[in-house]
Amino acid sequence: MAAVYSTPAAANYFSPAPCAMPQRGYRLCDQCQAVENPAGQRFRLCGGCMAAQYCSSNCQKANWPTHRAVCQHTQSAVSASKQHPLPDGGSVDLAKSLRRFTSAHQMLLSWAGFQALQVKRVPANARQYALVVELAHDPTAADPLRRFTVAHTALVPRAAILARDPVVAEDTARRDERSRRAGGLGALLVLVQCEGLSQVMPVETDAPARVSWDTRADWEDVLRKFVREARADFKPISTTAQGVYYG
């Protein structure tokens, strides 16, 4: 089984979208569950953990009693993370770079998890397994998104991730329940990690019958390509007899 590193916090994503919704993994307000509209104002990130998102300051304030534990837990883990020294005397914060990477590639990672676990064919996999994406890090790259490449991927038991961190487990259980109340499968887990640091990404998924994504055996090749090219514009835009085209 692949090694599972420490898990500082859970993020907050909603994907894959049902047919009636836009084809991308929009952020979900952690308080009212409103879905972010890219044509409107972007959701605000929690300034403490830089993971939870809110549609308004009122929702952020209302959610604080629920969010406090995982937020403080994240801040503690991030503050203890390693700094990479650079030749010019500066440094790169790996934890912040990893969060920036996960946020930029949220749709790609959601799709990869959906494909790796074959959720369309075996929905129960979302409750039993998780996708681990191990990254290699080059702190000298000028473009933050080009600092990472995919070293390898693996499937691990979901319980192995949640057992390591009760705060993340509790946050994931809350997202599981919220997704299922809305008729979904729960929170599919993608664990992005690099050099001992991890980012847990729960993807609140819809029921398979309402998801328009097809099943792709080449999901890892697609993942590697978009990460290697530092492209944050991934989305399945059309399905044909020859396969899915990506934009």
Protein backbone atom coordinates (compact mmCIF):
# COMPACT_ATOMS: atom_id res chain seq x y z
CA MET A 1 0.00 0.00 0.00
CA ALA A 2 1.23 3.51 -0.73
CA ALA A 3 2.55 5.51 2.20
CA VAL A 4 0.05 8.02 3.58
CA TYR A 5 1.56 11.15 5.04
CA SER A 6 0.19 13.48 7.70
CA THR A 7 -3.05 15.18 6.71
CA PRO A 8 -3.31 18.82 7.79
CA ALA A 9 -6.88 19.48 6.72
CA ALA A 10 -9.77 18.77 4.43
CA ALA A 11 -10.60 21.08 1.56
CA ASN A 12 -14.10 21.67 0.18
CA TYR A 13 -15.12 20.83 -3.36
CA PHE A 14 -18.33 19.82 -5.13
CA SER A 15 -17.96 17.58 -8.16
CA PRO A 16 -18.71 15.90 -10.46
CA ALA A 17 -21.64 18.01 -11.57
CA PRO A 18 -24.93 16.48 -12.70
CA CYS A 19 -26.01 17.07 -16.29
CA ALA A 20 -28.14 20.07 -15.36
CA MET A 21 -25.15 21.90 -13.87
CA PRO A 22 -22.04 23.34 -15.52
CA GLN A 23 -19.35 20.77 -16.25
CA ARG A 24 -16.71 21.65 -13.69
CA GLY A 25 -16.06 21.28 -9.99
CA TYR A 26 -17.27 24.56 -8.57
CA ARG A 27 -16.62 25.43 -4.97
CA LEU A 28 -19.42 24.86 -2.50
CA CYS A 29 -20.21 27.36 0.25
CA ASP A 30 -19.41 25.53 3.46
CA GLN A 31 -22.39 27.09 5.23
CA CYS A 32 -25.35 27.34 2.84
CA GLN A 33 -24.10 24.90 0.14
CA ALA A 34 -24.53 27.47 -2.63
CA VAL A 35 -22.50 26.54 -5.74
CA GLU A 36 -19.99 29.10 -7.02
CA ASN A 37 -20.88 30.75 -10.30
CA PRO A 38 -17.70 31.64 -12.24
CA ALA A 39 -19.56 34.40 -14.06
CA GLY A 40 -20.21 36.14 -10.75
CA GLN A 41 -18.16 37.00 -7.69
CA ARG A 42 -15.67 34.33 -6.63
CA PHE A 43 -16.15 32.72 -3.25
CA ARG A 44 -13.92 33.93 -0.43
CA LEU A 45 -11.38 31.61 1.15
CA CYS A 46 -10.98 31.29 4.89
CA GLY A 47 -7.90 33.35 5.72
CA GLY A 48 -6.79 30.88 8.37
CA CYS A 49 -6.73 27.53 6.60
CA MET A 50 -7.05 28.76 3.00
CA ALA A 51 -9.25 25.73 2.28
CA ALA A 52 -12.87 26.42 3.24
CA GLN A 53 -14.90 28.66 0.91
CA TYR A 54 -17.88 30.91 1.54
CA CYS A 55 -20.28 32.85 -0.64
CA SER A 56 -20.45 35.76 1.83
CA SER A 57 -18.99 37.08 5.06
CA ASN A 58 -22.28 36.25 6.82
CA CYS A 59 -21.95 32.58 5.87
CA GLN A 60 -18.32 32.59 6.98
CA LYS A 61 -19.23 33.99 10.39
CA ALA A 62 -22.15 31.58 10.80
CA ASN A 63 -19.93 28.60 9.95
CA TRP A 64 -17.08 29.47 12.30
CA PRO A 65 -18.27 27.32 15.27
CA THR A 66 -18.30 24.28 12.96
CA HIS A 67 -15.14 25.20 11.07
CA ARG A 68 -12.98 26.29 14.01
CA ALA A 69 -11.46 22.88 14.83
CA VAL A 70 -10.31 21.96 11.32
CA CYS A 71 -9.17 25.54 10.62
CA GLN A 72 -6.93 25.73 13.68
CA HIS A 73 -5.69 22.22 12.98
CA THR A 74 -4.70 23.27 9.46
CA GLN A 75 -2.93 26.43 10.59
CA SER A 76 -0.88 24.40 13.06
CA ALA A 77 0.20 21.89 10.40
CA VAL A 78 1.02 24.60 7.85
CA SER A 79 3.13 26.58 10.30
CA ALA A 80 5.19 23.46 11.01
CA SER A 81 5.80 22.65 7.34
CA LYS A 82 9.20 22.89 5.72
CA GLN A 83 10.59 25.87 3.82
CA HIS A 84 12.69 25.23 0.70
CA PRO A 85 15.73 27.56 0.50
CA LEU A 86 16.44 29.03 -2.94
CA PRO A 87 19.79 30.04 -4.50
CA ASP A 88 18.88 33.74 -4.30
CA GLY A 89 18.44 33.55 -0.55
CA GLY A 90 14.65 33.32 -0.61
CA SER A 91 12.48 30.33 0.21
CA VAL A 92 9.35 28.52 -0.94
CA ASP A 93 6.62 27.47 1.49
CA LEU A 94 5.74 23.91 0.45
CA ALA A 95 2.42 23.86 2.34
CA LYS A 96 1.18 27.00 0.63
CA SER A 97 2.41 25.78 -2.76
CA LEU A 98 0.57 22.50 -2.27
CA ARG A 99 -2.66 24.31 -1.39
CA ARG A 100 -2.31 26.55 -4.43
CA PHE A 101 -1.77 23.49 -6.62
CA THR A 102 -4.82 21.66 -5.22
CA SER A 103 -7.04 24.69 -5.64
CA ALA A 104 -5.87 25.35 -9.22
CA HIS A 105 -6.39 21.72 -10.27
CA GLN A 106 -9.58 21.03 -8.33
CA MET A 107 -11.59 19.88 -11.36
CA LEU A 108 -8.77 17.72 -12.72
CA LEU A 109 -8.19 16.03 -9.35
CA SER A 110 -11.92 15.49 -8.81
CA TRP A 111 -12.21 13.87 -12.22
CA ALA A 112 -9.12 11.72 -11.63
CA GLY A 113 -10.53 10.46 -8.34
CA PHE A 114 -13.87 9.69 -9.97
CA GLN A 115 -12.12 7.74 -12.73
CA ALA A 116 -9.53 5.96 -10.58
CA LEU A 117 -12.21 4.64 -8.22
CA GLN A 118 -14.48 3.72 -11.17
CA VAL A 119 -17.37 5.37 -9.35
CA LYS A 120 -19.63 5.29 -12.40
CA ARG A 121 -19.37 1.49 -12.53
CA VAL A 122 -18.90 0.64 -8.82
CA PRO A 123 -20.36 3.45 -6.65
CA ALA A 124 -19.39 1.62 -3.44
CA ASN A 125 -15.72 2.29 -4.22
CA ALA A 126 -16.21 5.90 -3.12
CA ARG A 127 -16.84 4.66 0.43
CA GLN A 128 -14.01 2.11 0.48
CA TYR A 129 -11.02 3.61 -1.34
CA ALA A 130 -9.21 6.89 -1.93
CA LEU A 131 -6.87 8.13 -4.63
CA VAL A 132 -3.38 9.17 -3.56
CA VAL A 133 -1.53 11.53 -5.91
CA GLU A 134 2.16 11.73 -5.01
CA LEU A 135 3.90 14.83 -6.37
CA ALA A 136 7.54 15.63 -7.08
CA HIS A 137 8.55 19.20 -6.20
CA ASP A 138 10.92 21.63 -7.92
CA PRO A 139 11.03 24.78 -5.74
CA THR A 140 13.14 26.69 -8.27
CA ALA A 141 10.43 26.87 -10.96
CA ALA A 142 9.24 30.46 -11.45
CA ASP A 143 5.64 29.43 -12.17
CA PRO A 144 4.09 28.02 -8.95
CA LEU A 145 2.07 25.49 -10.96
CA ARG A 146 5.25 24.18 -12.64
CA ARG A 147 6.82 23.32 -9.30
CA PHE A 148 4.94 20.03 -9.21
CA THR A 149 4.80 16.94 -11.39
CA VAL A 150 2.96 13.68 -10.76
CA ALA A 151 5.44 11.09 -9.44
CA HIS A 152 2.92 8.28 -9.06
CA THR A 153 -0.66 7.48 -8.07
CA ALA A 154 -2.17 4.72 -5.97
CA LEU A 155 -5.45 3.56 -4.46
CA VAL A 156 -5.50 3.08 -0.69
CA PRO A 157 -8.25 2.10 1.76
CA ARG A 158 -10.24 5.19 2.68
CA ALA A 159 -10.13 4.18 6.33
CA ALA A 160 -6.31 4.34 6.30
CA ILE A 161 -6.49 8.07 5.60
CA LEU A 162 -9.25 8.90 8.05
CA ALA A 163 -7.73 6.83 10.86
CA ARG A 164 -4.62 9.02 10.88
CA ASP A 165 -6.38 12.24 11.70
CA PRO A 166 -9.62 12.46 13.75
CA VAL A 167 -10.16 16.13 12.87
CA VAL A 168 -10.09 15.39 9.15
CA ALA A 169 -12.21 12.27 9.71
CA GLU A 170 -14.88 14.33 11.48
CA ASP A 171 -14.87 16.96 8.75
CA THR A 172 -15.14 14.28 6.05
CA ALA A 173 -18.01 12.58 7.89
CA ARG A 174 -19.88 15.90 7.92
CA ARG A 175 -19.39 16.24 4.16
CA ASP A 176 -20.46 12.62 3.66
CA GLU A 177 -23.70 13.29 5.47
CA ARG A 178 -24.37 16.53 3.62
CA SER A 179 -23.82 14.91 0.23
CA ARG A 180 -26.06 11.95 1.04
CA ARG A 181 -28.84 14.19 2.31
CA ALA A 182 -28.77 15.79 -1.14
CA GLY A 183 -29.03 12.39 -2.83
CA GLY A 184 -25.31 11.96 -3.54
CA LEU A 185 -22.77 9.24 -2.72
CA GLY A 186 -20.87 11.10 -0.04
CA ALA A 187 -17.37 12.53 -0.15
CA LEU A 188 -14.92 10.79 -2.45
CA LEU A 189 -11.37 11.32 -1.11
CA VAL A 190 -8.34 12.46 -3.09
CA LEU A 191 -5.11 12.78 -1.10
CA VAL A 192 -2.49 15.04 -2.68
CA GLN A 193 0.91 14.76 -1.02
CA CYS A 194 4.50 15.79 -1.43
CA GLU A 195 7.60 15.34 0.73
CA GLY A 196 5.72 14.33 3.86
CA LEU A 197 2.96 16.92 3.58
CA SER A 198 -0.60 16.12 2.52
CA GLN A 199 -3.78 17.85 1.44
CA VAL A 200 -7.01 15.89 1.85
CA MET A 201 -9.57 16.80 -0.79
CA PRO A 202 -13.09 15.49 -0.11
CA VAL A 203 -15.12 15.65 -3.33
CA GLU A 204 -18.84 15.72 -2.57
CA THR A 205 -20.24 13.60 -5.38
CA ASP A 206 -23.66 13.35 -6.94
CA ALA A 207 -25.50 10.09 -7.61
CA PRO A 208 -23.84 8.22 -10.53
CA ALA A 209 -27.06 8.23 -12.57
CA ARG A 210 -26.98 12.05 -12.59
CA VAL A 211 -23.30 12.37 -13.55
CA SER A 212 -22.56 12.86 -17.24
CA TRP A 213 -18.84 11.97 -17.06
CA ASP A 214 -17.97 8.76 -18.86
CA THR A 215 -15.46 6.13 -17.72
CA ARG A 216 -11.88 6.63 -18.89
CA ALA A 217 -9.02 4.13 -18.61
CA ASP A 218 -6.43 6.79 -19.53
CA TRP A 219 -7.22 9.06 -16.59
CA GLU A 220 -3.65 8.98 -15.22
CA ASP A 221 -2.17 10.03 -18.57
CA VAL A 222 -4.60 12.96 -18.69
CA LEU A 223 -3.75 13.90 -15.10
CA ARG A 224 -0.02 13.87 -15.79
CA LYS A 225 -0.40 15.89 -18.99
CA PHE A 226 -2.38 18.74 -17.45
CA VAL A 227 -0.11 18.93 -14.39
CA ARG A 228 3.07 18.79 -16.50
CA GLU A 229 1.80 21.58 -18.74
CA ALA A 230 0.64 23.64 -15.73
CA ARG A 231 -2.83 23.87 -17.25
CA ALA A 232 -5.55 24.80 -14.79
CA ASP A 233 -8.28 24.89 -17.46
CA PHE A 234 -9.26 21.21 -17.39
CA LYS A 235 -12.87 20.28 -18.01
CA PRO A 236 -14.59 17.48 -19.94
CA ILE A 237 -16.40 19.51 -22.60
CA SER A 238 -17.92 16.88 -24.90
CA THR A 239 -18.34 13.13 -25.23
CA THR A 240 -18.33 11.48 -28.65
CA ALA A 241 -18.06 7.96 -30.00
CA GLN A 242 -14.28 8.52 -30.10
CA GLY A 243 -14.13 9.59 -26.46
CA VAL A 244 -14.13 12.76 -24.36
CA TYR A 245 -12.57 15.99 -25.51
CA TYR A 246 -10.99 18.24 -22.92
CA GLY A 247 -10.73 21.99 -22.89
